[in-house]
Amino acid sequence: MKSLAITVALMAALVGSAAPVFARDALDRIATTTVKLQDGSTLYIFKDGKMAKEDAYGRAVTLKPGEVLTAKDGRQIKAVGNESARLDGLLNDGHRG
């Protein structure tokens, strides 16, 4: 019986620690394209064509209407939409509560 309790406790700890990994996996599945930007941030382009930006510290930041972003390779990308709330939910899934 003691062995069973230890096994259950270990399984609970493993599942709890894996939640952030699952959140990042969900983000990678939902965003069709990710683009690394020159300032160290990441631009996510979702299936519906709207975009969201994650800063270099892993936080969702607001995109300004018509903002032009520069990719690491020098491409200029005009922002479409501002899905910062969607990105924030995906980045923080499993971290709150």
N, C-alpha and C. Protein backbone atom coordinates (compact mmCIF):
# COMPACT_ATOMS: atom_id res chain seq x y z
N MET A 1 0.83 -1.20 0.00
CA MET A 1 0.00 0.00 0.00
C MET A 1 0.87 1.26 0.00
N LYS A 2 1.97 1.23 0.74
CA LYS A 2 2.86 2.37 0.79
C LYS A 2 3.49 2.61 -0.59
N SER A 3 3.81 1.53 -1.28
CA SER A 3 4.39 1.62 -2.62
C SER A 3 3.41 2.27 -3.60
N LEU A 4 2.14 1.92 -3.46
CA LEU A 4 1.11 2.50 -4.33
C LEU A 4 1.00 4.00 -4.10
N ALA A 5 1.05 4.44 -2.85
CA ALA A 5 0.96 5.86 -2.52
C ALA A 5 2.15 6.63 -3.10
N ILE A 6 3.32 6.04 -3.05
CA ILE A 6 4.50 6.68 -3.60
C ILE A 6 4.38 6.78 -5.12
N THR A 7 3.90 5.73 -5.76
CA THR A 7 3.72 5.72 -7.20
C THR A 7 2.72 6.79 -7.62
N VAL A 8 1.61 6.90 -6.92
CA VAL A 8 0.60 7.91 -7.24
C VAL A 8 1.17 9.32 -7.06
N ALA A 9 1.94 9.53 -5.99
CA ALA A 9 2.54 10.84 -5.75
C ALA A 9 3.53 11.20 -6.86
N LEU A 10 4.33 10.24 -7.29
CA LEU A 10 5.28 10.49 -8.38
C LEU A 10 4.56 10.81 -9.69
N MET A 11 3.50 10.07 -9.98
CA MET A 11 2.74 10.32 -11.20
C MET A 11 2.12 11.72 -11.19
N ALA A 12 1.59 12.13 -10.05
CA ALA A 12 0.98 13.45 -9.92
C ALA A 12 2.04 14.54 -10.14
N ALA A 13 3.23 14.34 -9.59
CA ALA A 13 4.31 15.31 -9.76
C ALA A 13 4.73 15.41 -11.23
N LEU A 14 4.82 14.27 -11.89
CA LEU A 14 5.21 14.27 -13.31
C LEU A 14 4.18 14.96 -14.18
N VAL A 15 2.91 14.68 -13.94
CA VAL A 15 1.85 15.30 -14.73
C VAL A 15 1.82 16.80 -14.48
N GLY A 16 1.98 17.22 -13.25
CA GLY A 16 1.98 18.65 -12.92
C GLY A 16 3.13 19.39 -13.56
N SER A 17 4.28 18.77 -13.64
CA SER A 17 5.43 19.44 -14.23
C SER A 17 5.37 19.45 -15.75
N ALA A 18 4.55 18.61 -16.35
CA ALA A 18 4.47 18.53 -17.80
C ALA A 18 3.48 19.54 -18.39
N ALA A 19 2.65 20.16 -17.60
CA ALA A 19 1.64 21.08 -18.12
C ALA A 19 2.22 22.22 -18.96
N PRO A 20 3.32 22.88 -18.53
CA PRO A 20 3.87 23.93 -19.37
C PRO A 20 4.36 23.42 -20.73
N VAL A 21 4.85 22.22 -20.78
CA VAL A 21 5.28 21.65 -22.05
C VAL A 21 4.09 21.48 -22.97
N PHE A 22 2.97 21.00 -22.43
CA PHE A 22 1.78 20.83 -23.24
C PHE A 22 1.27 22.17 -23.76
N ALA A 23 1.38 23.22 -22.95
CA ALA A 23 0.93 24.54 -23.38
C ALA A 23 1.75 25.01 -24.58
N ARG A 24 3.05 24.84 -24.54
CA ARG A 24 3.91 25.24 -25.66
C ARG A 24 3.60 24.39 -26.89
N ASP A 25 3.30 23.10 -26.68
CA ASP A 25 2.94 22.24 -27.81
C ASP A 25 1.65 22.73 -28.46
N ALA A 26 0.68 23.15 -27.66
CA ALA A 26 -0.58 23.65 -28.20
C ALA A 26 -0.32 24.90 -29.04
N LEU A 27 0.55 25.77 -28.57
CA LEU A 27 0.89 26.98 -29.31
C LEU A 27 1.51 26.61 -30.65
N ASP A 28 2.42 25.66 -30.65
CA ASP A 28 3.06 25.24 -31.90
C ASP A 28 2.08 24.62 -32.88
N ARG A 29 1.03 23.97 -32.38
CA ARG A 29 0.02 23.38 -33.26
C ARG A 29 -0.92 24.44 -33.82
N ILE A 30 -1.24 25.45 -33.04
CA ILE A 30 -2.21 26.46 -33.45
C ILE A 30 -1.58 27.49 -34.39
N ALA A 31 -0.34 27.85 -34.14
CA ALA A 31 0.34 28.83 -35.00
C ALA A 31 0.90 28.09 -36.22
N THR A 32 0.50 28.52 -37.40
CA THR A 32 0.98 27.85 -38.61
C THR A 32 2.41 28.24 -38.94
N THR A 33 2.81 29.45 -38.54
CA THR A 33 4.16 29.93 -38.84
C THR A 33 4.69 30.71 -37.64
N THR A 34 5.95 30.52 -37.33
CA THR A 34 6.63 31.34 -36.34
C THR A 34 7.82 31.99 -37.02
N VAL A 35 8.02 33.27 -36.71
CA VAL A 35 9.11 34.03 -37.33
C VAL A 35 9.92 34.68 -36.20
N LYS A 36 11.21 34.40 -36.17
CA LYS A 36 12.10 35.05 -35.20
C LYS A 36 12.38 36.46 -35.71
N LEU A 37 12.27 37.44 -34.82
CA LEU A 37 12.47 38.83 -35.19
C LEU A 37 13.83 39.34 -34.72
N GLN A 38 14.29 40.43 -35.31
CA GLN A 38 15.62 40.96 -35.01
C GLN A 38 15.79 41.36 -33.56
N ASP A 39 14.73 41.80 -32.91
CA ASP A 39 14.84 42.26 -31.52
C ASP A 39 14.79 41.10 -30.51
N GLY A 40 14.78 39.86 -31.00
CA GLY A 40 14.76 38.71 -30.10
C GLY A 40 13.36 38.20 -29.81
N SER A 41 12.35 38.87 -30.31
CA SER A 41 10.98 38.43 -30.10
C SER A 41 10.57 37.44 -31.18
N THR A 42 9.37 36.88 -31.03
CA THR A 42 8.85 35.89 -31.98
C THR A 42 7.47 36.32 -32.44
N LEU A 43 7.24 36.24 -33.74
CA LEU A 43 5.93 36.53 -34.31
C LEU A 43 5.25 35.22 -34.62
N TYR A 44 4.02 35.06 -34.16
CA TYR A 44 3.22 33.86 -34.43
C TYR A 44 2.13 34.24 -35.43
N ILE A 45 2.00 33.46 -36.47
CA ILE A 45 0.94 33.67 -37.47
C ILE A 45 0.00 32.49 -37.36
N PHE A 46 -1.26 32.77 -37.02
CA PHE A 46 -2.26 31.73 -36.81
C PHE A 46 -2.94 31.34 -38.12
N LYS A 47 -3.69 30.26 -38.08
CA LYS A 47 -4.36 29.73 -39.27
C LYS A 47 -5.28 30.75 -39.93
N ASP A 48 -5.88 31.63 -39.14
CA ASP A 48 -6.80 32.63 -39.69
C ASP A 48 -6.07 33.86 -40.24
N GLY A 49 -4.74 33.86 -40.23
CA GLY A 49 -3.95 34.95 -40.77
C GLY A 49 -3.62 36.04 -39.78
N LYS A 50 -4.23 36.00 -38.60
CA LYS A 50 -3.95 37.01 -37.59
C LYS A 50 -2.64 36.67 -36.88
N MET A 51 -2.06 37.68 -36.25
CA MET A 51 -0.73 37.53 -35.68
C MET A 51 -0.68 37.93 -34.22
N ALA A 52 0.34 37.41 -33.55
CA ALA A 52 0.62 37.76 -32.16
C ALA A 52 2.13 37.78 -31.98
N LYS A 53 2.60 38.58 -31.02
CA LYS A 53 4.03 38.73 -30.81
C LYS A 53 4.39 38.39 -29.37
N GLU A 54 5.45 37.59 -29.22
CA GLU A 54 6.00 37.23 -27.91
C GLU A 54 7.34 37.93 -27.78
N ASP A 55 7.55 38.68 -26.68
CA ASP A 55 8.82 39.38 -26.53
C ASP A 55 9.93 38.41 -26.16
N ALA A 56 11.13 38.90 -26.05
CA ALA A 56 12.29 38.07 -25.77
C ALA A 56 12.22 37.41 -24.39
N TYR A 57 11.32 37.89 -23.51
CA TYR A 57 11.18 37.35 -22.17
C TYR A 57 10.01 36.36 -22.04
N GLY A 58 9.38 36.04 -23.17
CA GLY A 58 8.30 35.06 -23.16
C GLY A 58 6.92 35.61 -22.84
N ARG A 59 6.75 36.92 -22.97
CA ARG A 59 5.44 37.55 -22.67
C ARG A 59 4.76 37.99 -23.96
N ALA A 60 3.45 37.85 -24.00
CA ALA A 60 2.67 38.35 -25.14
C ALA A 60 2.65 39.87 -25.08
N VAL A 61 2.92 40.50 -26.21
CA VAL A 61 2.91 41.97 -26.29
C VAL A 61 1.95 42.42 -27.38
N THR A 62 1.47 43.63 -27.26
CA THR A 62 0.50 44.19 -28.19
C THR A 62 1.15 44.57 -29.51
N LEU A 63 0.48 44.24 -30.59
CA LEU A 63 0.89 44.68 -31.92
C LEU A 63 0.10 45.94 -32.26
N LYS A 64 0.78 46.93 -32.77
CA LYS A 64 0.10 48.16 -33.18
C LYS A 64 -0.44 48.00 -34.59
N PRO A 65 -1.59 48.62 -34.90
CA PRO A 65 -2.14 48.52 -36.26
C PRO A 65 -1.14 49.00 -37.31
N GLY A 66 -0.87 48.15 -38.30
CA GLY A 66 0.04 48.50 -39.37
C GLY A 66 1.52 48.44 -39.01
N GLU A 67 1.83 47.97 -37.82
CA GLU A 67 3.23 47.87 -37.39
C GLU A 67 4.02 46.99 -38.36
N VAL A 68 5.21 47.45 -38.72
CA VAL A 68 6.08 46.67 -39.60
C VAL A 68 7.18 46.04 -38.75
N LEU A 69 7.27 44.73 -38.83
CA LEU A 69 8.24 43.97 -38.03
C LEU A 69 9.35 43.47 -38.94
N THR A 70 10.56 43.41 -38.40
CA THR A 70 11.71 42.96 -39.19
C THR A 70 12.17 41.60 -38.69
N ALA A 71 12.13 40.62 -39.60
CA ALA A 71 12.58 39.27 -39.26
C ALA A 71 14.10 39.24 -39.19
N LYS A 72 14.64 38.21 -38.54
CA LYS A 72 16.09 38.08 -38.43
C LYS A 72 16.77 38.06 -39.79
N ASP A 73 16.08 37.52 -40.80
CA ASP A 73 16.68 37.45 -42.13
C ASP A 73 16.49 38.75 -42.93
N GLY A 74 15.90 39.78 -42.30
CA GLY A 74 15.75 41.08 -42.94
C GLY A 74 14.41 41.33 -43.60
N ARG A 75 13.55 40.30 -43.69
CA ARG A 75 12.22 40.49 -44.29
C ARG A 75 11.41 41.48 -43.47
N GLN A 76 10.60 42.27 -44.15
CA GLN A 76 9.68 43.20 -43.50
C GLN A 76 8.29 42.56 -43.52
N ILE A 77 7.65 42.48 -42.34
CA ILE A 77 6.34 41.86 -42.22
C ILE A 77 5.39 42.86 -41.59
N LYS A 78 4.28 43.13 -42.27
CA LYS A 78 3.27 44.04 -41.73
C LYS A 78 2.32 43.24 -40.84
N ALA A 79 2.14 43.70 -39.61
CA ALA A 79 1.29 43.00 -38.65
C ALA A 79 -0.17 43.02 -39.07
N VAL A 80 -0.83 41.89 -38.90
CA VAL A 80 -2.26 41.76 -39.19
C VAL A 80 -2.93 41.29 -37.90
N GLY A 81 -3.81 42.11 -37.37
CA GLY A 81 -4.51 41.75 -36.14
C GLY A 81 -3.64 41.96 -34.92
N ASN A 82 -4.21 41.68 -33.77
CA ASN A 82 -3.50 41.79 -32.50
C ASN A 82 -4.03 40.70 -31.58
N GLU A 83 -3.51 39.52 -31.73
CA GLU A 83 -3.99 38.38 -30.97
C GLU A 83 -3.19 38.17 -29.69
N SER A 84 -2.88 39.26 -28.99
CA SER A 84 -2.08 39.16 -27.77
C SER A 84 -2.82 38.38 -26.67
N ALA A 85 -4.14 38.53 -26.61
CA ALA A 85 -4.91 37.79 -25.60
C ALA A 85 -4.88 36.29 -25.89
N ARG A 86 -5.01 35.91 -27.15
CA ARG A 86 -4.95 34.50 -27.53
C ARG A 86 -3.57 33.93 -27.19
N LEU A 87 -2.52 34.66 -27.52
CA LEU A 87 -1.16 34.21 -27.25
C LEU A 87 -0.91 34.13 -25.74
N ASP A 88 -1.36 35.12 -25.01
CA ASP A 88 -1.17 35.12 -23.56
C ASP A 88 -1.82 33.88 -22.94
N GLY A 89 -3.02 33.54 -23.39
CA GLY A 89 -3.68 32.35 -22.87
C GLY A 89 -2.91 31.07 -23.18
N LEU A 90 -2.36 30.99 -24.38
CA LEU A 90 -1.58 29.82 -24.75
C LEU A 90 -0.26 29.74 -24.00
N LEU A 91 0.40 30.88 -23.82
CA LEU A 91 1.68 30.88 -23.12
C LEU A 91 1.52 30.55 -21.64
N ASN A 92 0.41 30.97 -21.06
CA ASN A 92 0.23 30.80 -19.62
C ASN A 92 -0.67 29.62 -19.24
N ASP A 93 -1.12 28.86 -20.20
CA ASP A 93 -1.97 27.71 -19.91
C ASP A 93 -1.21 26.76 -19.00
N GLY A 94 -1.81 26.43 -17.87
CA GLY A 94 -1.18 25.53 -16.92
C GLY A 94 -0.33 26.23 -15.88
N HIS A 95 -0.13 27.54 -16.02
CA HIS A 95 0.70 28.29 -15.06
C HIS A 95 -0.13 29.05 -14.04
N ARG A 96 -1.39 29.21 -14.30
CA ARG A 96 -2.25 29.99 -13.41
C ARG A 96 -3.24 29.08 -12.71
N GLY A 97 -3.70 29.52 -11.58
CA GLY A 97 -4.76 28.76 -10.96
C GLY A 97 -4.49 28.39 -9.63
